[in-house]
Amino acid sequence: MNKLFIATLVAASFSLPAFAAGDHVVAQATAPAATAADMTDGEIRKVDKGNSKLTIKHGELKNLDMPAMTMVFQVKDPALLDKVKAGDKVRFKAEKAGTAFVVTEVEAAK
């Protein structure tokens, strides 16, 4: 009976960490990829439809570890350029694609 008890304890000690790790992975996998907190405040300074670019004066881009500044972004979808004009206050998402920074979403600030 001692051998059975010890075998059970050993088996349990190996399966509990795996079970806990499995729960952790599931929680990460089901978490939303992007939230409203990922949006950054900005002001459109220039819309360049010919080159599919926006110049935006923006706050800190936390997902890119970038401080507030004014810079030129490419746009993922040129249709985004029709949603904005110079002077508009916006909230937007940007990501790094190769060597470029690309606006993936833009909406009017509320």
PDB file of N, CA and C in Angstrom:
ATOM      1  N   MET A   1       0.828  -1.192   0.000  1.00  0.00           N
ATOM      2  CA  MET A   1       0.000   0.000   0.000  1.00  0.00           C
ATOM      3  C   MET A   1       0.867   1.248   0.000  1.00  0.00           C
ATOM      4  N   ASN A   2       1.991   1.245   0.664  1.00  0.00           N
ATOM      5  CA  ASN A   2       2.886   2.399   0.651  1.00  0.00           C
ATOM      6  C   ASN A   2       3.367   2.716  -0.763  1.00  0.00           C
ATOM      7  N   LYS A   3       3.681   1.678  -1.537  1.00  0.00           N
ATOM      8  CA  LYS A   3       4.164   1.901  -2.904  1.00  0.00           C
ATOM      9  C   LYS A   3       3.068   2.521  -3.758  1.00  0.00           C
ATOM     10  N   LEU A   4       1.842   2.094  -3.609  1.00  0.00           N
ATOM     11  CA  LEU A   4       0.726   2.650  -4.356  1.00  0.00           C
ATOM     12  C   LEU A   4       0.504   4.108  -3.960  1.00  0.00           C
ATOM     13  N   PHE A   5       0.564   4.401  -2.677  1.00  0.00           N
ATOM     14  CA  PHE A   5       0.397   5.763  -2.181  1.00  0.00           C
ATOM     15  C   PHE A   5       1.492   6.677  -2.736  1.00  0.00           C
ATOM     16  N   ILE A   6       2.722   6.235  -2.705  1.00  0.00           N
ATOM     17  CA  ILE A   6       3.856   7.025  -3.211  1.00  0.00           C
ATOM     18  C   ILE A   6       3.724   7.214  -4.720  1.00  0.00           C
ATOM     19  N   ALA A   7       3.340   6.181  -5.417  1.00  0.00           N
ATOM     20  CA  ALA A   7       3.171   6.283  -6.879  1.00  0.00           C
ATOM     21  C   ALA A   7       2.084   7.305  -7.218  1.00  0.00           C
ATOM     22  N   THR A   8       1.005   7.308  -6.453  1.00  0.00           N
ATOM     23  CA  THR A   8      -0.078   8.261  -6.672  1.00  0.00           C
ATOM     24  C   THR A   8       0.395   9.691  -6.415  1.00  0.00           C
ATOM     25  N   LEU A   9       1.149   9.903  -5.351  1.00  0.00           N
ATOM     26  CA  LEU A   9       1.677  11.238  -5.054  1.00  0.00           C
ATOM     27  C   LEU A   9       2.613  11.739  -6.149  1.00  0.00           C
ATOM     28  N   VAL A  10       3.483  10.848  -6.611  1.00  0.00           N
ATOM     29  CA  VAL A  10       4.424  11.228  -7.671  1.00  0.00           C
ATOM     30  C   VAL A  10       3.648  11.588  -8.940  1.00  0.00           C
ATOM     31  N   ALA A  11       2.688  10.791  -9.314  1.00  0.00           N
ATOM     32  CA  ALA A  11       1.903  11.058 -10.517  1.00  0.00           C
ATOM     33  C   ALA A  11       1.150  12.375 -10.388  1.00  0.00           C
ATOM     34  N   ALA A  12       0.578  12.630  -9.227  1.00  0.00           N
ATOM     35  CA  ALA A  12      -0.172  13.871  -9.004  1.00  0.00           C
ATOM     36  C   ALA A  12       0.742  15.080  -9.064  1.00  0.00           C
ATOM     37  N   SER A  13       1.948  14.957  -8.536  1.00  0.00           N
ATOM     38  CA  SER A  13       2.856  16.106  -8.528  1.00  0.00           C
ATOM     39  C   SER A  13       3.276  16.488  -9.945  1.00  0.00           C
ATOM     40  N   PHE A  14       3.307  15.544 -10.877  1.00  0.00           N
ATOM     41  CA  PHE A  14       3.663  15.867 -12.260  1.00  0.00           C
ATOM     42  C   PHE A  14       2.460  16.392 -13.044  1.00  0.00           C
ATOM     43  N   SER A  15       1.276  15.966 -12.727  1.00  0.00           N
ATOM     44  CA  SER A  15       0.113  16.369 -13.511  1.00  0.00           C
ATOM     45  C   SER A  15      -0.441  17.729 -13.087  1.00  0.00           C
ATOM     46  N   LEU A  16      -0.272  18.128 -11.843  1.00  0.00           N
ATOM     47  CA  LEU A  16      -0.819  19.416 -11.405  1.00  0.00           C
ATOM     48  C   LEU A  16      -0.178  20.612 -12.101  1.00  0.00           C
ATOM     49  N   PRO A  17       1.147  20.687 -12.206  1.00  0.00           N
ATOM     50  CA  PRO A  17       1.718  21.829 -12.936  1.00  0.00           C
ATOM     51  C   PRO A  17       1.276  21.859 -14.397  1.00  0.00           C
ATOM     52  N   ALA A  18       1.160  20.707 -15.027  1.00  0.00           N
ATOM     53  CA  ALA A  18       0.721  20.671 -16.426  1.00  0.00           C
ATOM     54  C   ALA A  18      -0.708  21.172 -16.536  1.00  0.00           C
ATOM     55  N   PHE A  19      -1.564  20.801 -15.598  1.00  0.00           N
ATOM     56  CA  PHE A  19      -2.942  21.258 -15.601  1.00  0.00           C
ATOM     57  C   PHE A  19      -3.001  22.761 -15.414  1.00  0.00           C
ATOM     58  N   ALA A  20      -2.250  23.296 -14.480  1.00  0.00           N
ATOM     59  CA  ALA A  20      -2.238  24.739 -14.225  1.00  0.00           C
ATOM     60  C   ALA A  20      -1.709  25.483 -15.441  1.00  0.00           C
ATOM     61  N   ALA A  21      -0.655  24.966 -16.059  1.00  0.00           N
ATOM     62  CA  ALA A  21      -0.102  25.618 -17.249  1.00  0.00           C
ATOM     63  C   ALA A  21      -1.116  25.584 -18.381  1.00  0.00           C
ATOM     64  N   GLY A  22      -1.842  24.483 -18.498  1.00  0.00           N
ATOM     65  CA  GLY A  22      -2.857  24.376 -19.543  1.00  0.00           C
ATOM     66  C   GLY A  22      -3.938  25.422 -19.376  1.00  0.00           C
ATOM     67  N   ASP A  23      -4.376  25.674 -18.148  1.00  0.00           N
ATOM     68  CA  ASP A  23      -5.386  26.706 -17.910  1.00  0.00           C
ATOM     69  C   ASP A  23      -4.858  28.067 -18.321  1.00  0.00           C
ATOM     70  N   HIS A  24      -3.610  28.341 -18.023  1.00  0.00           N
ATOM     71  CA  HIS A  24      -3.007  29.639 -18.330  1.00  0.00           C
ATOM     72  C   HIS A  24      -2.964  29.870 -19.842  1.00  0.00           C
ATOM     73  N   VAL A  25      -2.600  28.849 -20.586  1.00  0.00           N
ATOM     74  CA  VAL A  25      -2.514  28.972 -22.039  1.00  0.00           C
ATOM     75  C   VAL A  25      -3.890  29.222 -22.630  1.00  0.00           C
ATOM     76  N   VAL A  26      -4.899  28.526 -22.142  1.00  0.00           N
ATOM     77  CA  VAL A  26      -6.254  28.715 -22.644  1.00  0.00           C
ATOM     78  C   VAL A  26      -6.707  30.146 -22.384  1.00  0.00           C
ATOM     79  N   ALA A  27      -6.412  30.677 -21.219  1.00  0.00           N
ATOM     80  CA  ALA A  27      -6.822  32.046 -20.897  1.00  0.00           C
ATOM     81  C   ALA A  27      -6.166  33.037 -21.843  1.00  0.00           C
ATOM     82  N   GLN A  28      -4.897  32.840 -22.187  1.00  0.00           N
ATOM     83  CA  GLN A  28      -4.230  33.741 -23.113  1.00  0.00           C
ATOM     84  C   GLN A  28      -4.809  33.620 -24.510  1.00  0.00           C
ATOM     85  N   ALA A  29      -5.106  32.428 -24.930  1.00  0.00           N
ATOM     86  CA  ALA A  29      -5.583  32.221 -26.291  1.00  0.00           C
ATOM     87  C   ALA A  29      -6.955  32.837 -26.512  1.00  0.00           C
ATOM     88  N   THR A  30      -7.787  32.924 -25.466  1.00  0.00           N
ATOM     89  CA  THR A  30      -9.124  33.452 -25.629  1.00  0.00           C
ATOM     90  C   THR A  30      -9.208  34.943 -25.319  1.00  0.00           C
ATOM     91  N   ALA A  31      -8.119  35.564 -24.882  1.00  0.00           N
ATOM     92  CA  ALA A  31      -8.141  37.000 -24.604  1.00  0.00           C
ATOM     93  C   ALA A  31      -8.246  37.766 -25.910  1.00  0.00           C
ATOM     94  N   PRO A  32      -8.979  38.901 -25.923  1.00  0.00           N
ATOM     95  CA  PRO A  32      -9.106  39.671 -27.150  1.00  0.00           C
ATOM     96  C   PRO A  32      -7.753  40.213 -27.595  1.00  0.00           C
ATOM     97  N   ALA A  33      -7.512  40.208 -28.909  1.00  0.00           N
ATOM     98  CA  ALA A  33      -6.230  40.641 -29.454  1.00  0.00           C
ATOM     99  C   ALA A  33      -6.048  42.150 -29.329  1.00  0.00           C
ATOM    100  N   ALA A  34      -7.095  42.911 -29.480  1.00  0.00           N
ATOM    101  CA  ALA A  34      -6.984  44.367 -29.422  1.00  0.00           C
ATOM    102  C   ALA A  34      -8.194  44.934 -28.695  1.00  0.00           C
ATOM    103  N   THR A  35      -7.984  45.977 -27.955  1.00  0.00           N
ATOM    104  CA  THR A  35      -9.064  46.605 -27.223  1.00  0.00           C
ATOM    105  C   THR A  35      -9.082  48.089 -27.531  1.00  0.00           C
ATOM    106  N   ALA A  36     -10.077  48.784 -27.019  1.00  0.00           N
ATOM    107  CA  ALA A  36     -10.165  50.230 -27.206  1.00  0.00           C
ATOM    108  C   ALA A  36      -8.936  50.916 -26.612  1.00  0.00           C
ATOM    109  N   ALA A  37      -8.327  50.318 -25.609  1.00  0.00           N
ATOM    110  CA  ALA A  37      -7.132  50.899 -24.997  1.00  0.00           C
ATOM    111  C   ALA A  37      -5.960  50.914 -25.972  1.00  0.00           C
ATOM    112  N   ASP A  38      -6.000  50.082 -27.012  1.00  0.00           N
ATOM    113  CA  ASP A  38      -4.940  50.051 -28.019  1.00  0.00           C
ATOM    114  C   ASP A  38      -5.025  51.236 -28.984  1.00  0.00           C
ATOM    115  N   MET A  39      -6.135  51.932 -28.978  1.00  0.00           N
ATOM    116  CA  MET A  39      -6.318  53.090 -29.852  1.00  0.00           C
ATOM    117  C   MET A  39      -5.531  54.268 -29.286  1.00  0.00           C
ATOM    118  N   THR A  40      -4.957  55.055 -30.175  1.00  0.00           N
ATOM    119  CA  THR A  40      -4.159  56.218 -29.792  1.00  0.00           C
ATOM    120  C   THR A  40      -4.837  57.479 -30.305  1.00  0.00           C
ATOM    121  N   ASP A  41      -4.820  58.522 -29.494  1.00  0.00           N
ATOM    122  CA  ASP A  41      -5.380  59.809 -29.907  1.00  0.00           C
ATOM    123  C   ASP A  41      -4.421  60.495 -30.867  1.00  0.00           C
ATOM    124  N   GLY A  42      -4.988  61.184 -31.848  1.00  0.00           N
ATOM    125  CA  GLY A  42      -4.152  61.911 -32.789  1.00  0.00           C
ATOM    126  C   GLY A  42      -4.932  62.999 -33.500  1.00  0.00           C
ATOM    127  N   GLU A  43      -4.201  63.781 -34.268  1.00  0.00           N
ATOM    128  CA  GLU A  43      -4.810  64.809 -35.111  1.00  0.00           C
ATOM    129  C   GLU A  43      -4.213  64.657 -36.506  1.00  0.00           C
ATOM    130  N   ILE A  44      -5.080  64.562 -37.495  1.00  0.00           N
ATOM    131  CA  ILE A  44      -4.630  64.436 -38.873  1.00  0.00           C
ATOM    132  C   ILE A  44      -4.033  65.773 -39.309  1.00  0.00           C
ATOM    133  N   ARG A  45      -2.805  65.749 -39.765  1.00  0.00           N
ATOM    134  CA  ARG A  45      -2.135  66.952 -40.250  1.00  0.00           C
ATOM    135  C   ARG A  45      -2.161  67.023 -41.770  1.00  0.00           C
ATOM    136  N   LYS A  46      -2.096  65.850 -42.432  1.00  0.00           N
ATOM    137  CA  LYS A  46      -2.080  65.839 -43.891  1.00  0.00           C
ATOM    138  C   LYS A  46      -2.603  64.496 -44.387  1.00  0.00           C
ATOM    139  N   VAL A  47      -3.379  64.533 -45.476  1.00  0.00           N
ATOM    140  CA  VAL A  47      -3.850  63.323 -46.144  1.00  0.00           C
ATOM    141  C   VAL A  47      -3.210  63.316 -47.534  1.00  0.00           C
ATOM    142  N   ASP A  48      -2.427  62.301 -47.823  1.00  0.00           N
ATOM    143  CA  ASP A  48      -1.737  62.170 -49.112  1.00  0.00           C
ATOM    144  C   ASP A  48      -2.307  60.948 -49.827  1.00  0.00           C
ATOM    145  N   LYS A  49      -3.405  61.180 -50.582  1.00  0.00           N
ATOM    146  CA  LYS A  49      -4.068  60.060 -51.257  1.00  0.00           C
ATOM    147  C   LYS A  49      -3.203  59.458 -52.350  1.00  0.00           C
ATOM    148  N   GLY A  50      -2.404  60.266 -53.027  1.00  0.00           N
ATOM    149  CA  GLY A  50      -1.559  59.768 -54.105  1.00  0.00           C
ATOM    150  C   GLY A  50      -0.546  58.742 -53.639  1.00  0.00           C
ATOM    151  N   ASN A  51      -0.065  58.868 -52.415  1.00  0.00           N
ATOM    152  CA  ASN A  51       0.927  57.948 -51.862  1.00  0.00           C
ATOM    153  C   ASN A  51       0.372  57.062 -50.749  1.00  0.00           C
ATOM    154  N   SER A  52      -0.945  57.126 -50.513  1.00  0.00           N
ATOM    155  CA  SER A  52      -1.616  56.340 -49.461  1.00  0.00           C
ATOM    156  C   SER A  52      -0.958  56.537 -48.105  1.00  0.00           C
ATOM    157  N   LYS A  53      -0.800  57.831 -47.716  1.00  0.00           N
ATOM    158  CA  LYS A  53      -0.152  58.144 -46.450  1.00  0.00           C
ATOM    159  C   LYS A  53      -0.946  59.186 -45.667  1.00  0.00           C
ATOM    160  N   LEU A  54      -0.795  59.116 -44.349  1.00  0.00           N
ATOM    161  CA  LEU A  54      -1.373  60.090 -43.418  1.00  0.00           C
ATOM    162  C   LEU A  54      -0.264  60.655 -42.552  1.00  0.00           C
ATOM    163  N   THR A  55      -0.280  61.962 -42.354  1.00  0.00           N
ATOM    164  CA  THR A  55       0.601  62.579 -41.368  1.00  0.00           C
ATOM    165  C   THR A  55      -0.257  62.825 -40.145  1.00  0.00           C
ATOM    166  N   ILE A  56       0.161  62.270 -39.013  1.00  0.00           N
ATOM    167  CA  ILE A  56      -0.639  62.347 -37.779  1.00  0.00           C
ATOM    168  C   ILE A  56       0.228  62.846 -36.633  1.00  0.00           C
ATOM    169  N   LYS A  57      -0.281  63.850 -35.924  1.00  0.00           N
ATOM    170  CA  LYS A  57       0.310  64.269 -34.649  1.00  0.00           C
ATOM    171  C   LYS A  57      -0.373  63.378 -33.614  1.00  0.00           C
ATOM    172  N   HIS A  58       0.417  62.549 -32.940  1.00  0.00           N
ATOM    173  CA  HIS A  58      -0.198  61.524 -32.095  1.00  0.00           C
ATOM    174  C   HIS A  58       0.397  61.487 -30.698  1.00  0.00           C
ATOM    175  N   GLY A  59      -0.364  60.867 -29.806  1.00  0.00           N
ATOM    176  CA  GLY A  59       0.116  60.570 -28.460  1.00  0.00           C
ATOM    177  C   GLY A  59       0.997  59.335 -28.499  1.00  0.00           C
ATOM    178  N   GLU A  60       1.380  58.864 -27.330  1.00  0.00           N
ATOM    179  CA  GLU A  60       2.246  57.691 -27.219  1.00  0.00           C
ATOM    180  C   GLU A  60       1.590  56.467 -27.866  1.00  0.00           C
ATOM    181  N   LEU A  61       2.357  55.774 -28.683  1.00  0.00           N
ATOM    182  CA  LEU A  61       1.916  54.506 -29.273  1.00  0.00           C
ATOM    183  C   LEU A  61       2.531  53.390 -28.433  1.00  0.00           C
ATOM    184  N   LYS A  62       1.781  52.919 -27.439  1.00  0.00           N
ATOM    185  CA  LYS A  62       2.315  51.944 -26.489  1.00  0.00           C
ATOM    186  C   LYS A  62       2.689  50.629 -27.153  1.00  0.00           C
ATOM    187  N   ASN A  63       1.890  50.169 -28.101  1.00  0.00           N
ATOM    188  CA  ASN A  63       2.189  48.883 -28.739  1.00  0.00           C
ATOM    189  C   ASN A  63       3.458  48.941 -29.590  1.00  0.00           C
ATOM    190  N   LEU A  64       3.891  50.138 -29.971  1.00  0.00           N
ATOM    191  CA  LEU A  64       5.116  50.294 -30.756  1.00  0.00           C
ATOM    192  C   LEU A  64       6.250  50.886 -29.930  1.00  0.00           C
ATOM    193  N   ASP A  65       5.989  51.127 -28.649  1.00  0.00           N
ATOM    194  CA  ASP A  65       6.975  51.722 -27.747  1.00  0.00           C
ATOM    195  C   ASP A  65       7.520  53.028 -28.347  1.00  0.00           C
ATOM    196  N   MET A  66       6.575  53.896 -28.771  1.00  0.00           N
ATOM    197  CA  MET A  66       6.933  55.131 -29.455  1.00  0.00           C
ATOM    198  C   MET A  66       6.348  56.328 -28.698  1.00  0.00           C
ATOM    199  N   PRO A  67       7.163  57.347 -28.458  1.00  0.00           N
ATOM    200  CA  PRO A  67       6.647  58.532 -27.764  1.00  0.00           C
ATOM    201  C   PRO A  67       5.750  59.365 -28.683  1.00  0.00           C
ATOM    202  N   ALA A  68       5.085  60.336 -28.102  1.00  0.00           N
ATOM    203  CA  ALA A  68       4.248  61.256 -28.869  1.00  0.00           C
ATOM    204  C   ALA A  68       5.107  62.031 -29.860  1.00  0.00           C
ATOM    205  N   MET A  69       4.579  62.239 -31.068  1.00  0.00           N
ATOM    206  CA  MET A  69       5.283  63.002 -32.101  1.00  0.00           C
ATOM    207  C   MET A  69       4.356  63.203 -33.288  1.00  0.00           C
ATOM    208  N   THR A  70       4.844  63.871 -34.303  1.00  0.00           N
ATOM    209  CA  THR A  70       4.139  63.974 -35.583  1.00  0.00           C
ATOM    210  C   THR A  70       4.933  63.165 -36.589  1.00  0.00           C
ATOM    211  N   MET A  71       4.250  62.273 -37.304  1.00  0.00           N
ATOM    212  CA  MET A  71       4.954  61.435 -38.271  1.00  0.00           C
ATOM    213  C   MET A  71       4.043  61.003 -39.395  1.00  0.00           C
ATOM    214  N   VAL A  72       4.653  60.495 -40.442  1.00  0.00           N
ATOM    215  CA  VAL A  72       3.932  60.001 -41.615  1.00  0.00           C
ATOM    216  C   VAL A  72       3.747  58.492 -41.485  1.00  0.00           C
ATOM    217  N   PHE A  73       2.525  58.052 -41.729  1.00  0.00           N
ATOM    218  CA  PHE A  73       2.176  56.629 -41.701  1.00  0.00           C
ATOM    219  C   PHE A  73       1.669  56.209 -43.067  1.00  0.00           C
ATOM    220  N   GLN A  74       1.942  54.983 -43.451  1.00  0.00           N
ATOM    221  CA  GLN A  74       1.249  54.378 -44.574  1.00  0.00           C
ATOM    222  C   GLN A  74      -0.103  53.912 -44.053  1.00  0.00           C
ATOM    223  N   VAL A  75      -1.036  53.616 -44.948  1.00  0.00           N
ATOM    224  CA  VAL A  75      -2.329  53.077 -44.520  1.00  0.00           C
ATOM    225  C   VAL A  75      -2.496  51.673 -45.085  1.00  0.00           C
ATOM    226  N   LYS A  76      -3.079  50.809 -44.288  1.00  0.00           N
ATOM    227  CA  LYS A  76      -3.296  49.422 -44.710  1.00  0.00           C
ATOM    228  C   LYS A  76      -4.312  49.370 -45.847  1.00  0.00           C
ATOM    229  N   ASP A  77      -5.361  50.193 -45.712  1.00  0.00           N
ATOM    230  CA  ASP A  77      -6.434  50.224 -46.702  1.00  0.00           C
ATOM    231  C   ASP A  77      -6.613  51.668 -47.172  1.00  0.00           C
ATOM    232  N   PRO A  78      -6.368  51.947 -48.446  1.00  0.00           N
ATOM    233  CA  PRO A  78      -6.510  53.327 -48.945  1.00  0.00           C
ATOM    234  C   PRO A  78      -7.886  53.942 -48.700  1.00  0.00           C
ATOM    235  N   ALA A  79      -8.908  53.119 -48.482  1.00  0.00           N
ATOM    236  CA  ALA A  79     -10.249  53.643 -48.185  1.00  0.00           C
ATOM    237  C   ALA A  79     -10.255  54.432 -46.877  1.00  0.00           C
ATOM    238  N   LEU A  80      -9.289  54.173 -45.982  1.00  0.00           N
ATOM    239  CA  LEU A  80      -9.201  54.926 -44.728  1.00  0.00           C
ATOM    240  C   LEU A  80      -8.970  56.414 -44.998  1.00  0.00           C
ATOM    241  N   LEU A  81      -8.320  56.731 -46.117  1.00  0.00           N
ATOM    242  CA  LEU A  81      -8.006  58.124 -46.442  1.00  0.00           C
ATOM    243  C   LEU A  81      -9.263  58.946 -46.716  1.00  0.00           C
ATOM    244  N   ASP A  82     -10.341  58.278 -47.142  1.00  0.00           N
ATOM    245  CA  ASP A  82     -11.600  58.976 -47.416  1.00  0.00           C
ATOM    246  C   ASP A  82     -12.379  59.290 -46.141  1.00  0.00           C
ATOM    247  N   LYS A  83     -11.973  58.717 -45.019  1.00  0.00           N
ATOM    248  CA  LYS A  83     -12.678  58.919 -43.748  1.00  0.00           C
ATOM    249  C   LYS A  83     -12.194  60.147 -42.988  1.00  0.00           C
ATOM    250  N   VAL A  84     -11.053  60.726 -43.397  1.00  0.00           N
ATOM    251  CA  VAL A  84     -10.441  61.796 -42.608  1.00  0.00           C
ATOM    252  C   VAL A  84      -9.995  62.958 -43.496  1.00  0.00           C
ATOM    253  N   LYS A  85      -9.790  64.108 -42.837  1.00  0.00           N
ATOM    254  CA  LYS A  85      -9.226  65.274 -43.503  1.00  0.00           C
ATOM    255  C   LYS A  85      -8.323  65.993 -42.511  1.00  0.00           C
ATOM    256  N   ALA A  86      -7.458  66.857 -43.006  1.00  0.00           N
ATOM    257  CA  ALA A  86      -6.548  67.611 -42.140  1.00  0.00           C
ATOM    258  C   ALA A  86      -7.345  68.356 -41.078  1.00  0.00           C
ATOM    259  N   GLY A  87      -6.866  68.270 -39.843  1.00  0.00           N
ATOM    260  CA  GLY A  87      -7.527  68.925 -38.714  1.00  0.00           C
ATOM    261  C   GLY A  87      -8.436  68.016 -37.904  1.00  0.00           C
ATOM    262  N   ASP A  88      -8.803  66.858 -38.450  1.00  0.00           N
ATOM    263  CA  ASP A  88      -9.675  65.921 -37.728  1.00  0.00           C
ATOM    264  C   ASP A  88      -8.968  65.357 -36.505  1.00  0.00           C
ATOM    265  N   LYS A  89      -9.694  65.299 -35.394  1.00  0.00           N
ATOM    266  CA  LYS A  89      -9.227  64.601 -34.188  1.00  0.00           C
ATOM    267  C   LYS A  89      -9.682  63.159 -34.336  1.00  0.00           C
ATOM    268  N   VAL A  90      -8.741  62.236 -34.177  1.00  0.00           N
ATOM    269  CA  VAL A  90      -9.038  60.824 -34.409  1.00  0.00           C
ATOM    270  C   VAL A  90      -8.481  59.943 -33.300  1.00  0.00           C
ATOM    271  N   ARG A  91      -8.915  58.692 -33.325  1.00  0.00           N
ATOM    272  CA  ARG A  91      -8.305  57.605 -32.567  1.00  0.00           C
ATOM    273  C   ARG A  91      -7.930  56.584 -33.619  1.00  0.00           C
ATOM    274  N   PHE A  92      -6.723  56.016 -33.491  1.00  0.00           N
ATOM    275  CA  PHE A  92      -6.263  55.096 -34.527  1.00  0.00           C
ATOM    276  C   PHE A  92      -5.389  53.999 -33.943  1.00  0.00           C
ATOM    277  N   LYS A  93      -5.212  52.958 -34.758  1.00  0.00           N
ATOM    278  CA  LYS A  93      -4.301  51.858 -34.431  1.00  0.00           C
ATOM    279  C   LYS A  93      -3.236  51.812 -35.507  1.00  0.00           C
ATOM    280  N   ALA A  94      -2.016  51.549 -35.083  1.00  0.00           N
ATOM    281  CA  ALA A  94      -0.907  51.413 -36.034  1.00  0.00           C
ATOM    282  C   ALA A  94      -0.071  50.203 -35.648  1.00  0.00           C
ATOM    283  N   GLU A  95       0.603  49.646 -36.638  1.00  0.00           N
ATOM    284  CA  GLU A  95       1.490  48.512 -36.410  1.00  0.00           C
ATOM    285  C   GLU A  95       2.712  48.662 -37.298  1.00  0.00           C
ATOM    286  N   LYS A  96       3.736  47.919 -36.969  1.00  0.00           N
ATOM    287  CA  LYS A  96       4.941  47.938 -37.781  1.00  0.00           C
ATOM    288  C   LYS A  96       4.832  46.817 -38.806  1.00  0.00           C
ATOM    289  N   ALA A  97       5.074  47.156 -40.075  1.00  0.00           N
ATOM    290  CA  ALA A  97       5.043  46.178 -41.163  1.00  0.00           C
ATOM    291  C   ALA A  97       6.352  46.328 -41.923  1.00  0.00           C
ATOM    292  N   GLY A  98       7.286  45.443 -41.647  1.00  0.00           N
ATOM    293  CA  GLY A  98       8.619  45.573 -42.234  1.00  0.00           C
ATOM    294  C   GLY A  98       9.308  46.779 -41.630  1.00  0.00           C
ATOM    295  N   THR A  99       9.674  47.729 -42.467  1.00  0.00           N
ATOM    296  CA  THR A  99      10.320  48.949 -41.973  1.00  0.00           C
ATOM    297  C   THR A  99       9.345  50.110 -41.861  1.00  0.00           C
ATOM    298  N   ALA A 100       8.092  49.888 -42.250  1.00  0.00           N
ATOM    299  CA  ALA A 100       7.091  50.967 -42.256  1.00  0.00           C
ATOM    300  C   ALA A 100       6.159  50.863 -41.054  1.00  0.00           C
ATOM    301  N   PHE A 101       5.580  52.006 -40.704  1.00  0.00           N
ATOM    302  CA  PHE A 101       4.511  52.058 -39.703  1.00  0.00           C
ATOM    303  C   PHE A 101       3.218  52.282 -40.458  1.00  0.00           C
ATOM    304  N   VAL A 102       2.219  51.430 -40.179  1.00  0.00           N
ATOM    305  CA  VAL A 102       1.002  51.396 -40.970  1.00  0.00           C
ATOM    306  C   VAL A 102      -0.218  51.602 -40.075  1.00  0.00           C
ATOM    307  N   VAL A 103      -1.104  52.522 -40.483  1.00  0.00           N
ATOM    308  CA  VAL A 103      -2.377  52.724 -39.795  1.00  0.00           C
ATOM    309  C   VAL A 103      -3.315  51.632 -40.270  1.00  0.00           C
ATOM    310  N   THR A 104      -3.861  50.879 -39.327  1.00  0.00           N
ATOM    311  CA  THR A 104      -4.768  49.776 -39.664  1.00  0.00           C
ATOM    312  C   THR A 104      -6.232  50.109 -39.410  1.00  0.00           C
ATOM    313  N   GLU A 105      -6.480  51.072 -38.516  1.00  0.00           N
ATOM    314  CA  GLU A 105      -7.840  51.518 -38.207  1.00  0.00           C
ATOM    315  C   GLU A 105      -7.799  52.985 -37.857  1.00  0.00           C
ATOM    316  N   VAL A 106      -8.872  53.703 -38.194  1.00  0.00           N
ATOM    317  CA  VAL A 106      -8.988  55.101 -37.799  1.00  0.00           C
ATOM    318  C   VAL A 106     -10.472  55.416 -37.614  1.00  0.00           C
ATOM    319  N   GLU A 107     -10.762  56.200 -36.575  1.00  0.00           N
ATOM    320  CA  GLU A 107     -12.140  56.605 -36.304  1.00  0.00           C
ATOM    321  C   GLU A 107     -12.120  58.003 -35.729  1.00  0.00           C
ATOM    322  N   ALA A 108     -13.238  58.709 -35.869  1.00  0.00           N
ATOM    323  CA  ALA A 108     -13.341  60.049 -35.287  1.00  0.00           C
ATOM    324  C   ALA A 108     -13.257  59.955 -33.768  1.00  0.00           C
ATOM    325  N   ALA A 109     -12.545  60.878 -33.161  1.00  0.00           N
ATOM    326  CA  ALA A 109     -12.436  60.909 -31.696  1.00  0.00           C
ATOM    327  C   ALA A 109     -13.792  61.302 -31.126  1.00  0.00           C
ATOM    328  N   LYS A 110     -14.098  60.760 -29.955  1.00  0.00           N
ATOM    329  CA  LYS A 110     -15.386  61.050 -29.317  1.00  0.00           C
ATOM    330  C   LYS A 110     -15.196  62.026 -28.193  1.00  0.00           C
TER     331      LYS A 110
END
